[in-house]
Amino acid sequence: QVQLVESGGGLVQFGGSLRLSCAASGRTFSAYAMYWFRQAPGKERDFVAAITWSGVTTGYADSVKGRFTISRDNAKNTVYLQMNSLKPEDTAVYYCAAAQRWTYYSANANDYDFWGQGTQVTVSS
C-alpha cells in the first residue's frame, strides 16, 4: 500500500510560481511511475505531467510544456511539480498518482494504483 500526500498549493498571482510536492509512504516508491493531474471546477481531470521510475524520462501536457517541470527524489519518496509562469487557467485541484506501469497518460483513474487527496492551486489575474 502506498499513501500519497500533496502539498505546496496556494494562491499566486499571474506569472508567479509554485512548487507542489507529493510525498509517498512505503519503501517501494521507486517501483512506481508518477503522474500529476489537475481538475478545474466543472471540468474533467486532465493529465499534466509524468515521470518514469528512475526519473530519466518525463512527459507533459501541451498546455504546460515549457512552464512546468516534474522531478522526483527516490531517496525522499517525493515527486515534485515546479510550476512557473502561472496563468489563471492553471487554477485547479492538483493530484498526484502512482502506477507501476507506464499508462501513456491515460485519463482512466482505474489505470493508476494510488491517488493523493489533492491540493488547490489558484492563480489570480
N, C-alpha and C. Protein backbone atom coordinates (compact mmCIF):
# COMPACT_ATOMS: atom_id res chain seq x y z
N GLN A 1 0.84 -1.19 0.00
CA GLN A 1 0.00 0.00 0.00
C GLN A 1 0.88 1.24 0.00
N VAL A 2 0.50 2.21 -0.79
CA VAL A 2 1.21 3.49 -0.86
C VAL A 2 0.22 4.60 -0.60
N GLN A 3 0.57 5.50 0.27
CA GLN A 3 -0.25 6.69 0.50
C GLN A 3 0.47 7.89 -0.06
N LEU A 4 -0.27 8.74 -0.77
CA LEU A 4 0.28 9.93 -1.41
C LEU A 4 -0.33 11.17 -0.77
N VAL A 5 0.53 12.11 -0.39
CA VAL A 5 0.07 13.35 0.24
C VAL A 5 0.67 14.52 -0.51
N GLU A 6 -0.18 15.32 -1.15
CA GLU A 6 0.26 16.51 -1.87
C GLU A 6 0.35 17.71 -0.92
N SER A 7 1.23 18.62 -1.25
CA SER A 7 1.35 19.88 -0.53
C SER A 7 1.94 20.93 -1.46
N GLY A 8 1.88 22.19 -1.02
CA GLY A 8 2.51 23.26 -1.77
C GLY A 8 1.55 24.12 -2.57
N GLY A 9 0.28 23.76 -2.56
CA GLY A 9 -0.69 24.58 -3.28
C GLY A 9 -0.93 25.90 -2.56
N GLY A 10 -1.66 26.78 -3.24
CA GLY A 10 -1.98 28.07 -2.64
C GLY A 10 -2.44 29.06 -3.67
N LEU A 11 -2.47 30.31 -3.26
CA LEU A 11 -2.90 31.41 -4.12
C LEU A 11 -1.66 32.14 -4.63
N VAL A 12 -1.60 32.35 -5.93
CA VAL A 12 -0.45 33.02 -6.53
C VAL A 12 -0.95 33.94 -7.64
N GLN A 13 -0.21 34.99 -7.90
CA GLN A 13 -0.61 35.92 -8.95
C GLN A 13 -0.18 35.43 -10.32
N PHE A 14 -0.83 35.96 -11.33
CA PHE A 14 -0.49 35.66 -12.72
C PHE A 14 1.01 35.86 -12.93
N GLY A 15 1.65 34.87 -13.54
CA GLY A 15 3.08 34.94 -13.79
C GLY A 15 3.95 34.42 -12.67
N GLY A 16 3.33 34.07 -11.55
CA GLY A 16 4.08 33.58 -10.41
C GLY A 16 4.44 32.11 -10.51
N SER A 17 5.04 31.61 -9.43
CA SER A 17 5.50 30.22 -9.40
C SER A 17 5.05 29.53 -8.12
N LEU A 18 4.90 28.22 -8.21
CA LEU A 18 4.65 27.36 -7.07
C LEU A 18 5.37 26.04 -7.30
N ARG A 19 5.73 25.39 -6.22
CA ARG A 19 6.26 24.03 -6.33
C ARG A 19 5.39 23.11 -5.50
N LEU A 20 4.79 22.16 -6.17
CA LEU A 20 4.00 21.15 -5.49
C LEU A 20 4.88 19.96 -5.14
N SER A 21 4.56 19.34 -4.02
CA SER A 21 5.23 18.12 -3.61
C SER A 21 4.20 17.03 -3.39
N CYS A 22 4.61 15.82 -3.62
CA CYS A 22 3.77 14.66 -3.36
C CYS A 22 4.65 13.64 -2.64
N ALA A 23 4.39 13.48 -1.36
CA ALA A 23 5.17 12.57 -0.54
C ALA A 23 4.48 11.21 -0.47
N ALA A 24 5.25 10.16 -0.68
CA ALA A 24 4.71 8.80 -0.68
C ALA A 24 5.19 8.03 0.53
N SER A 25 4.30 7.28 1.10
CA SER A 25 4.68 6.38 2.19
C SER A 25 5.18 5.07 1.59
N GLY A 26 5.77 4.24 2.42
CA GLY A 26 6.20 2.93 1.95
C GLY A 26 7.61 2.94 1.39
N ARG A 27 8.13 1.74 1.14
CA ARG A 27 9.52 1.61 0.72
C ARG A 27 9.67 1.30 -0.75
N THR A 28 8.56 1.33 -1.50
CA THR A 28 8.62 0.90 -2.89
C THR A 28 8.34 2.04 -3.85
N PHE A 29 8.63 3.25 -3.43
CA PHE A 29 8.33 4.43 -4.25
C PHE A 29 8.97 4.32 -5.63
N SER A 30 10.19 3.83 -5.68
CA SER A 30 10.90 3.77 -6.96
C SER A 30 10.29 2.75 -7.92
N ALA A 31 9.35 1.94 -7.46
CA ALA A 31 8.69 0.96 -8.31
C ALA A 31 7.53 1.57 -9.09
N TYR A 32 7.24 2.83 -8.83
CA TYR A 32 6.08 3.48 -9.42
C TYR A 32 6.49 4.63 -10.32
N ALA A 33 5.90 4.66 -11.51
CA ALA A 33 5.92 5.88 -12.30
C ALA A 33 4.94 6.85 -11.64
N MET A 34 5.25 8.12 -11.72
CA MET A 34 4.44 9.11 -11.02
C MET A 34 3.83 10.10 -12.00
N TYR A 35 2.66 10.56 -11.65
CA TYR A 35 1.88 11.42 -12.54
C TYR A 35 1.26 12.57 -11.76
N TRP A 36 1.10 13.69 -12.43
CA TRP A 36 0.31 14.81 -11.91
C TRP A 36 -0.88 15.02 -12.84
N PHE A 37 -2.03 15.21 -12.21
CA PHE A 37 -3.26 15.56 -12.90
C PHE A 37 -3.83 16.82 -12.26
N ARG A 38 -4.78 17.43 -12.93
CA ARG A 38 -5.48 18.57 -12.33
C ARG A 38 -6.94 18.56 -12.77
N GLN A 39 -7.77 19.14 -11.91
CA GLN A 39 -9.19 19.20 -12.20
C GLN A 39 -9.71 20.57 -11.80
N ALA A 40 -10.18 21.30 -12.80
CA ALA A 40 -10.79 22.61 -12.57
C ALA A 40 -12.27 22.41 -12.29
N PRO A 41 -12.91 23.38 -11.64
CA PRO A 41 -14.33 23.26 -11.33
C PRO A 41 -15.17 23.02 -12.58
N GLY A 42 -16.01 22.00 -12.53
CA GLY A 42 -16.90 21.70 -13.63
C GLY A 42 -16.24 21.02 -14.81
N LYS A 43 -14.97 20.66 -14.67
CA LYS A 43 -14.25 20.02 -15.79
C LYS A 43 -13.75 18.65 -15.37
N GLU A 44 -13.33 17.89 -16.38
CA GLU A 44 -12.78 16.57 -16.10
C GLU A 44 -11.34 16.70 -15.61
N ARG A 45 -10.87 15.63 -15.00
CA ARG A 45 -9.50 15.58 -14.54
C ARG A 45 -8.58 15.40 -15.75
N ASP A 46 -7.57 16.25 -15.86
CA ASP A 46 -6.68 16.23 -17.01
C ASP A 46 -5.26 15.88 -16.61
N PHE A 47 -4.58 15.18 -17.49
CA PHE A 47 -3.18 14.88 -17.30
C PHE A 47 -2.34 16.16 -17.37
N VAL A 48 -1.32 16.24 -16.51
CA VAL A 48 -0.42 17.39 -16.51
C VAL A 48 1.01 16.97 -16.83
N ALA A 49 1.54 16.01 -16.07
CA ALA A 49 2.94 15.63 -16.24
C ALA A 49 3.17 14.23 -15.70
N ALA A 50 4.23 13.60 -16.20
CA ALA A 50 4.56 12.24 -15.77
C ALA A 50 6.06 12.06 -15.73
N ILE A 51 6.50 11.11 -14.91
CA ILE A 51 7.93 10.82 -14.80
C ILE A 51 8.11 9.33 -14.58
N THR A 52 9.10 8.76 -15.23
CA THR A 52 9.34 7.33 -15.11
C THR A 52 9.96 6.98 -13.76
N TRP A 53 10.11 5.70 -13.51
CA TRP A 53 10.55 5.20 -12.22
C TRP A 53 11.90 5.78 -11.82
N SER A 54 12.82 5.90 -12.76
CA SER A 54 14.15 6.42 -12.44
C SER A 54 14.24 7.92 -12.59
N GLY A 55 13.23 8.51 -13.21
CA GLY A 55 13.26 9.95 -13.42
C GLY A 55 13.92 10.38 -14.72
N VAL A 56 14.35 9.43 -15.51
CA VAL A 56 15.07 9.77 -16.74
C VAL A 56 14.15 10.38 -17.79
N THR A 57 12.93 9.87 -17.85
CA THR A 57 12.00 10.31 -18.89
C THR A 57 10.82 11.01 -18.27
N THR A 58 10.43 12.13 -18.90
CA THR A 58 9.26 12.88 -18.44
C THR A 58 8.35 13.16 -19.63
N GLY A 59 7.11 13.51 -19.30
CA GLY A 59 6.15 13.87 -20.32
C GLY A 59 5.22 14.95 -19.79
N TYR A 60 4.72 15.79 -20.70
CA TYR A 60 3.91 16.92 -20.29
C TYR A 60 2.72 17.12 -21.23
N ALA A 61 1.65 17.66 -20.67
CA ALA A 61 0.55 18.13 -21.50
C ALA A 61 1.02 19.35 -22.27
N ASP A 62 0.49 19.54 -23.46
CA ASP A 62 0.90 20.68 -24.27
C ASP A 62 0.66 22.01 -23.56
N SER A 63 -0.38 22.05 -22.75
CA SER A 63 -0.76 23.31 -22.09
C SER A 63 0.26 23.76 -21.04
N VAL A 64 1.11 22.86 -20.58
CA VAL A 64 2.07 23.23 -19.53
C VAL A 64 3.51 23.08 -19.99
N LYS A 65 3.72 22.55 -21.18
CA LYS A 65 5.07 22.30 -21.67
C LYS A 65 5.85 23.61 -21.70
N GLY A 66 7.07 23.58 -21.16
CA GLY A 66 7.91 24.77 -21.12
C GLY A 66 7.70 25.62 -19.89
N ARG A 67 6.62 25.37 -19.14
CA ARG A 67 6.35 26.14 -17.92
C ARG A 67 6.45 25.28 -16.66
N PHE A 68 6.08 24.02 -16.77
CA PHE A 68 6.08 23.11 -15.62
C PHE A 68 7.21 22.10 -15.77
N THR A 69 7.76 21.68 -14.63
CA THR A 69 8.79 20.66 -14.63
C THR A 69 8.50 19.64 -13.53
N ILE A 70 8.45 18.39 -13.93
CA ILE A 70 8.27 17.31 -12.95
C ILE A 70 9.62 16.70 -12.63
N SER A 71 9.80 16.35 -11.36
CA SER A 71 11.04 15.70 -10.94
C SER A 71 10.71 14.79 -9.76
N ARG A 72 11.66 13.96 -9.41
CA ARG A 72 11.44 13.07 -8.27
C ARG A 72 12.75 12.84 -7.53
N ASP A 73 12.61 12.54 -6.25
CA ASP A 73 13.74 12.20 -5.41
C ASP A 73 13.37 10.88 -4.74
N ASN A 74 13.89 9.78 -5.26
CA ASN A 74 13.51 8.48 -4.73
C ASN A 74 14.03 8.26 -3.32
N ALA A 75 15.08 8.93 -2.95
CA ALA A 75 15.60 8.81 -1.58
C ALA A 75 14.65 9.45 -0.58
N LYS A 76 13.88 10.43 -1.04
CA LYS A 76 12.92 11.12 -0.17
C LYS A 76 11.48 10.70 -0.43
N ASN A 77 11.31 9.73 -1.34
CA ASN A 77 9.96 9.26 -1.68
C ASN A 77 9.03 10.41 -2.06
N THR A 78 9.54 11.32 -2.87
CA THR A 78 8.78 12.52 -3.20
C THR A 78 8.89 12.84 -4.69
N VAL A 79 7.77 13.27 -5.25
CA VAL A 79 7.75 13.79 -6.61
C VAL A 79 7.32 15.25 -6.53
N TYR A 80 7.90 16.06 -7.41
CA TYR A 80 7.66 17.49 -7.39
C TYR A 80 7.07 17.95 -8.72
N LEU A 81 6.37 19.08 -8.64
CA LEU A 81 5.92 19.75 -9.85
C LEU A 81 6.23 21.23 -9.68
N GLN A 82 7.26 21.68 -10.38
CA GLN A 82 7.62 23.10 -10.37
C GLN A 82 6.79 23.78 -11.44
N MET A 83 6.02 24.78 -11.02
CA MET A 83 5.12 25.47 -11.93
C MET A 83 5.53 26.93 -12.03
N ASN A 84 5.93 27.34 -13.21
CA ASN A 84 6.34 28.72 -13.46
C ASN A 84 5.40 29.39 -14.45
N SER A 85 5.47 30.70 -14.51
CA SER A 85 4.64 31.47 -15.45
C SER A 85 3.18 31.05 -15.37
N LEU A 86 2.68 31.00 -14.16
CA LEU A 86 1.32 30.51 -13.95
C LEU A 86 0.28 31.45 -14.53
N LYS A 87 -0.79 30.85 -15.01
CA LYS A 87 -1.89 31.57 -15.64
C LYS A 87 -3.19 31.25 -14.90
N PRO A 88 -4.18 32.11 -15.00
CA PRO A 88 -5.47 31.81 -14.35
C PRO A 88 -6.05 30.47 -14.78
N GLU A 89 -5.80 30.06 -16.00
CA GLU A 89 -6.34 28.78 -16.47
C GLU A 89 -5.62 27.57 -15.85
N ASP A 90 -4.56 27.82 -15.09
CA ASP A 90 -3.91 26.74 -14.34
C ASP A 90 -4.62 26.47 -13.01
N THR A 91 -5.59 27.31 -12.66
CA THR A 91 -6.32 27.13 -11.42
C THR A 91 -7.06 25.79 -11.43
N ALA A 92 -6.81 24.99 -10.41
CA ALA A 92 -7.39 23.65 -10.34
C ALA A 92 -6.94 22.99 -9.04
N VAL A 93 -7.56 21.85 -8.75
CA VAL A 93 -7.02 20.97 -7.73
C VAL A 93 -6.04 20.04 -8.43
N TYR A 94 -4.84 19.96 -7.88
CA TYR A 94 -3.78 19.15 -8.46
C TYR A 94 -3.63 17.86 -7.67
N TYR A 95 -3.59 16.75 -8.39
CA TYR A 95 -3.48 15.43 -7.79
C TYR A 95 -2.23 14.72 -8.29
N CYS A 96 -1.59 13.99 -7.40
CA CYS A 96 -0.55 13.08 -7.87
C CYS A 96 -1.10 11.66 -7.85
N ALA A 97 -0.55 10.85 -8.72
CA ALA A 97 -0.97 9.47 -8.85
C ALA A 97 0.25 8.59 -9.11
N ALA A 98 0.13 7.33 -8.73
CA ALA A 98 1.21 6.37 -8.89
C ALA A 98 0.71 5.15 -9.65
N ALA A 99 1.55 4.65 -10.53
CA ALA A 99 1.22 3.44 -11.27
C ALA A 99 2.49 2.65 -11.50
N GLN A 100 2.41 1.34 -11.35
CA GLN A 100 3.59 0.52 -11.56
C GLN A 100 3.92 0.37 -13.03
N ARG A 101 2.97 0.64 -13.89
CA ARG A 101 3.24 0.58 -15.32
C ARG A 101 3.14 1.98 -15.92
N TRP A 102 3.68 2.14 -17.12
CA TRP A 102 3.55 3.41 -17.83
C TRP A 102 2.16 3.44 -18.46
N THR A 103 1.39 4.43 -18.08
CA THR A 103 0.00 4.46 -18.51
C THR A 103 -0.24 5.23 -19.80
N TYR A 104 0.82 5.82 -20.34
CA TYR A 104 0.67 6.65 -21.54
C TYR A 104 -0.35 7.76 -21.31
N TYR A 105 -0.31 8.28 -20.07
CA TYR A 105 -1.10 9.45 -19.68
C TYR A 105 -2.60 9.18 -19.73
N SER A 106 -2.98 7.95 -19.49
CA SER A 106 -4.38 7.58 -19.52
C SER A 106 -5.22 8.46 -18.60
N ALA A 107 -6.41 8.81 -19.05
CA ALA A 107 -7.33 9.60 -18.22
C ALA A 107 -8.21 8.71 -17.35
N ASN A 108 -8.08 7.42 -17.51
CA ASN A 108 -8.88 6.48 -16.72
C ASN A 108 -8.28 6.33 -15.33
N ALA A 109 -8.99 6.78 -14.33
CA ALA A 109 -8.47 6.74 -12.96
C ALA A 109 -8.12 5.32 -12.51
N ASN A 110 -8.78 4.34 -13.09
CA ASN A 110 -8.54 2.95 -12.69
C ASN A 110 -7.20 2.41 -13.20
N ASP A 111 -6.56 3.16 -14.09
CA ASP A 111 -5.25 2.75 -14.59
C ASP A 111 -4.13 3.09 -13.61
N TYR A 112 -4.47 3.75 -12.53
CA TYR A 112 -3.48 4.17 -11.54
C TYR A 112 -3.72 3.40 -10.25
N ASP A 113 -2.63 3.08 -9.58
CA ASP A 113 -2.74 2.27 -8.38
C ASP A 113 -3.12 3.09 -7.16
N PHE A 114 -2.64 4.32 -7.09
CA PHE A 114 -2.89 5.15 -5.91
C PHE A 114 -3.05 6.61 -6.35
N TRP A 115 -3.86 7.33 -5.58
CA TRP A 115 -4.09 8.75 -5.80
C TRP A 115 -3.93 9.50 -4.49
N GLY A 116 -3.45 10.73 -4.60
CA GLY A 116 -3.45 11.61 -3.44
C GLY A 116 -4.79 12.31 -3.29
N GLN A 117 -4.90 13.12 -2.24
CA GLN A 117 -6.16 13.78 -1.94
C GLN A 117 -6.31 15.12 -2.67
N GLY A 118 -5.23 15.62 -3.23
CA GLY A 118 -5.27 16.86 -4.00
C GLY A 118 -4.86 18.08 -3.21
N THR A 119 -4.36 19.08 -3.94
CA THR A 119 -4.01 20.35 -3.34
C THR A 119 -4.48 21.46 -4.29
N GLN A 120 -5.07 22.50 -3.73
CA GLN A 120 -5.68 23.56 -4.53
C GLN A 120 -4.62 24.56 -4.97
N VAL A 121 -4.65 24.88 -6.25
CA VAL A 121 -3.82 25.95 -6.82
C VAL A 121 -4.75 26.98 -7.43
N THR A 122 -4.60 28.21 -7.00
CA THR A 122 -5.43 29.30 -7.53
C THR A 122 -4.52 30.40 -8.05
N VAL A 123 -4.73 30.77 -9.30
CA VAL A 123 -3.91 31.81 -9.93
C VAL A 123 -4.82 33.00 -10.21
N SER A 124 -4.49 34.12 -9.61
CA SER A 124 -5.30 35.33 -9.80
C SER A 124 -4.76 36.15 -10.97
N SER A 125 -5.67 36.82 -11.65
CA SER A 125 -5.27 37.62 -12.82
C SER A 125 -4.96 39.05 -12.44
